[in-house]
C-alpha atoms as a PDB file:
ATOM      1  CA  MET A   1       0.000   0.000   0.000  1.00  0.00           C
ATOM      2  CA  SER A   2       0.997   3.598  -0.405  1.00  0.00           C
ATOM      3  CA  VAL A   3      -0.083   7.049   0.690  1.00  0.00           C
ATOM      4  CA  SER A   4      -0.923   9.449  -2.138  1.00  0.00           C
ATOM      5  CA  VAL A   5      -2.842  12.598  -2.990  1.00  0.00           C
ATOM      6  CA  PHE A   6      -5.994  12.031  -5.036  1.00  0.00           C
ATOM      7  CA  ARG A   7      -8.388  14.520  -6.611  1.00  0.00           C
ATOM      8  CA  MET A   8     -12.086  14.056  -5.866  1.00  0.00           C
ATOM      9  CA  ASN A   9     -14.883  14.106  -8.437  1.00  0.00           C
ATOM     10  CA  LEU A  10     -17.389  16.400  -6.766  1.00  0.00           C
ATOM     11  CA  GLU A  11     -20.328  14.921  -8.674  1.00  0.00           C
ATOM     12  CA  ASP A  12     -20.080  11.473  -7.091  1.00  0.00           C
ATOM     13  CA  ASN A  13     -17.266  11.718  -4.473  1.00  0.00           C
ATOM     14  CA  SER A  14     -15.124   9.234  -6.395  1.00  0.00           C
ATOM     15  CA  PHE A  15     -11.443   9.705  -7.154  1.00  0.00           C
ATOM     16  CA  GLU A  16     -10.524  11.249 -10.493  1.00  0.00           C
ATOM     17  CA  LEU A  17      -8.959   8.598 -12.681  1.00  0.00           C
ATOM     18  CA  GLY A  18      -5.456   9.385 -13.849  1.00  0.00           C
ATOM     19  CA  PHE A  19      -4.599  11.815 -11.051  1.00  0.00           C
ATOM     20  CA  GLU A  20      -2.350  10.719  -8.206  1.00  0.00           C
ATOM     21  CA  LEU A  21       0.613  12.335  -6.460  1.00  0.00           C
ATOM     22  CA  PRO A  22       2.626   9.737  -4.550  1.00  0.00           C
ATOM     23  CA  ILE A  23       3.680  10.652  -1.027  1.00  0.00           C
ATOM     24  CA  SER A  24       5.221   7.475   0.320  1.00  0.00           C
ATOM     25  CA  ASN A  25       4.846   3.762   0.702  1.00  0.00           C
ATOM     26  CA  GLU A  26       2.876   3.003   3.848  1.00  0.00           C
ATOM     27  CA  GLU A  27       5.774   1.510   5.826  1.00  0.00           C
ATOM     28  CA  PHE A  28       7.997   4.538   5.210  1.00  0.00           C
ATOM     29  CA  PHE A  29       5.097   6.910   5.953  1.00  0.00           C
ATOM     30  CA  THR A  30       4.493   5.226   9.312  1.00  0.00           C
ATOM     31  CA  LYS A  31       8.191   5.069  10.198  1.00  0.00           C
ATOM     32  CA  PHE A  32       9.284   8.584   9.172  1.00  0.00           C
ATOM     33  CA  TRP A  33       6.473  10.863   7.999  1.00  0.00           C
ATOM     34  CA  GLN A  34       4.154  10.134  10.913  1.00  0.00           C
ATOM     35  CA  PRO A  35       6.685  10.954  13.682  1.00  0.00           C
ATOM     36  CA  ALA A  36       7.641  14.160  11.843  1.00  0.00           C
ATOM     37  CA  ILE A  37       3.966  15.103  11.409  1.00  0.00           C
ATOM     38  CA  GLU A  38       3.332  14.586  15.111  1.00  0.00           C
ATOM     39  CA  GLU A  39       6.503  16.403  16.214  1.00  0.00           C
ATOM     40  CA  LEU A  40       5.841  19.401  13.936  1.00  0.00           C
ATOM     41  CA  LYS A  41       2.068  19.406  14.534  1.00  0.00           C
ATOM     42  CA  ILE A  42       1.345  19.114  10.809  1.00  0.00           C
ATOM     43  CA  TYR A  43      -2.329  19.218   9.790  1.00  0.00           C
ATOM     44  CA  GLY A  44      -2.372  19.433   5.986  1.00  0.00           C
ATOM     45  CA  ILE A  45      -0.416  16.307   5.101  1.00  0.00           C
ATOM     46  CA  GLN A  46      -1.922  13.429   7.029  1.00  0.00           C
ATOM     47  CA  ASN A  47      -3.441  10.131   6.031  1.00  0.00           C
ATOM     48  CA  GLY A  48      -7.211  10.552   5.633  1.00  0.00           C
ATOM     49  CA  VAL A  49      -7.264  14.360   5.286  1.00  0.00           C
ATOM     50  CA  GLU A  50      -9.121  16.469   2.723  1.00  0.00           C
ATOM     51  CA  LEU A  51      -7.188  19.410   1.342  1.00  0.00           C
ATOM     52  CA  ARG A  52      -8.879  22.488  -0.120  1.00  0.00           C
ATOM     53  CA  LYS A  53      -7.377  25.372  -2.049  1.00  0.00           C
ATOM     54  CA  GLU A  54      -7.641  27.791   0.889  1.00  0.00           C
ATOM     55  CA  GLN A  55      -5.364  25.425   2.845  1.00  0.00           C
ATOM     56  CA  LEU A  56      -2.684  25.345   0.158  1.00  0.00           C
ATOM     57  CA  ALA A  57      -0.416  28.089   1.532  1.00  0.00           C
ATOM     58  CA  SER A  58      -0.304  26.593   5.028  1.00  0.00           C
ATOM     59  CA  THR A  59       0.196  23.084   3.616  1.00  0.00           C
ATOM     60  CA  LEU A  60       3.142  24.241   1.484  1.00  0.00           C
ATOM     61  CA  LEU A  61       4.688  25.804   4.592  1.00  0.00           C
ATOM     62  CA  GLU A  62       4.180  22.517   6.453  1.00  0.00           C
ATOM     63  CA  LEU A  63       5.884  20.666   3.617  1.00  0.00           C
ATOM     64  CA  LYS A  64       8.863  23.033   3.832  1.00  0.00           C
ATOM     65  CA  ASN A  65       9.040  22.332   7.578  1.00  0.00           C
ATOM     66  CA  LEU A  66       8.883  18.588   6.891  1.00  0.00           C
ATOM     67  CA  ARG A  67      11.758  19.018   4.453  1.00  0.00           C
ATOM     68  CA  ILE A  68      13.846  20.774   7.113  1.00  0.00           C
ATOM     69  CA  TRP A  69      12.976  17.973   9.557  1.00  0.00           C
ATOM     70  CA  ALA A  70      14.062  15.343   7.032  1.00  0.00           C
ATOM     71  CA  LEU A  71      17.382  17.085   6.409  1.00  0.00           C
ATOM     72  CA  ALA A  72      18.042  17.138  10.163  1.00  0.00           C
ATOM     73  CA  ASN A  73      16.844  13.624  10.999  1.00  0.00           C
ATOM     74  CA  LEU A  74      17.336  11.320   8.027  1.00  0.00           C
ATOM     75  CA  GLU A  75      20.261  10.254   5.913  1.00  0.00           C
ATOM     76  CA  ASN A  76      21.173   8.407   2.751  1.00  0.00           C
ATOM     77  CA  ASN A  77      18.313   6.694   0.887  1.00  0.00           C
ATOM     78  CA  ASP A  78      15.704   7.606   3.503  1.00  0.00           C
ATOM     79  CA  LEU A  79      16.602  11.287   3.218  1.00  0.00           C
ATOM     80  CA  GLU A  80      16.658  11.225  -0.568  1.00  0.00           C
ATOM     81  CA  TYR A  81      13.300   9.405  -0.771  1.00  0.00           C
ATOM     82  CA  MET A  82      11.490  11.776   1.603  1.00  0.00           C
ATOM     83  CA  VAL A  83      12.972  15.000   0.208  1.00  0.00           C
ATOM     84  CA  THR A  84      12.234  13.913  -3.376  1.00  0.00           C
ATOM     85  CA  ARG A  85       8.580  13.282  -2.485  1.00  0.00           C
ATOM     86  CA  ILE A  86       8.281  16.550  -0.542  1.00  0.00           C
ATOM     87  CA  ASP A  87       9.752  18.494  -3.468  1.00  0.00           C
ATOM     88  CA  LEU A  88       7.302  16.795  -5.835  1.00  0.00           C
ATOM     89  CA  LEU A  89       4.378  17.788  -3.602  1.00  0.00           C
ATOM     90  CA  ILE A  90       5.590  21.389  -3.293  1.00  0.00           C
ATOM     91  CA  LYS A  91       5.797  21.609  -7.076  1.00  0.00           C
ATOM     92  CA  LYS A  92       2.618  19.717  -8.021  1.00  0.00           C
ATOM     93  CA  LEU A  93       0.063  20.538  -5.286  1.00  0.00           C
ATOM     94  CA  PRO A  94      -0.593  24.095  -6.525  1.00  0.00           C
ATOM     95  CA  LEU A  95      -1.280  22.683 -10.002  1.00  0.00           C
ATOM     96  CA  ALA A  96      -3.701  20.080  -8.643  1.00  0.00           C
ATOM     97  CA  PHE A  97      -6.374  22.665  -7.877  1.00  0.00           C
ATOM     98  CA  LYS A  98      -8.033  22.965 -11.255  1.00  0.00           C
ATOM     99  CA  ALA A  99     -10.974  24.921  -9.775  1.00  0.00           C
ATOM    100  CA  GLU A 100     -11.684  26.877  -6.595  1.00  0.00           C
ATOM    101  CA  ASN A 101     -13.834  24.056  -5.225  1.00  0.00           C
ATOM    102  CA  THR A 102     -11.360  21.244  -5.974  1.00  0.00           C
ATOM    103  CA  ILE A 103     -10.906  18.845  -3.094  1.00  0.00           C
ATOM    104  CA  LEU A 104      -7.787  16.718  -2.752  1.00  0.00           C
ATOM    105  CA  TRP A 105      -7.748  13.682  -0.510  1.00  0.00           C
ATOM    106  CA  ILE A 106      -4.711  12.138   1.143  1.00  0.00           C
ATOM    107  CA  GLY A 107      -4.783   8.461   1.823  1.00  0.00           C
END
């Protein structure tokens, strides 16, 4: 299993086919992302959270803080994997909101 960002179809609350931003495999998420999320009191990037456009700025800031945490606490492949995924999210999340009422789901 993995944790990803999905875009919701507002008409039927299904996930939009063809759109997915990978965050992490579930084991890595539990081992590294979750402790960082708890330590930094992150709200925007959590398993099972909806993300709306008005939350984007604060979520991008949280991602930057997660990146700083990773640089201070991880090394080698673990560091590279987490930072690569964070950078992808920072780049792609703003583009994921194709309309004001777009809802992204993390899970």
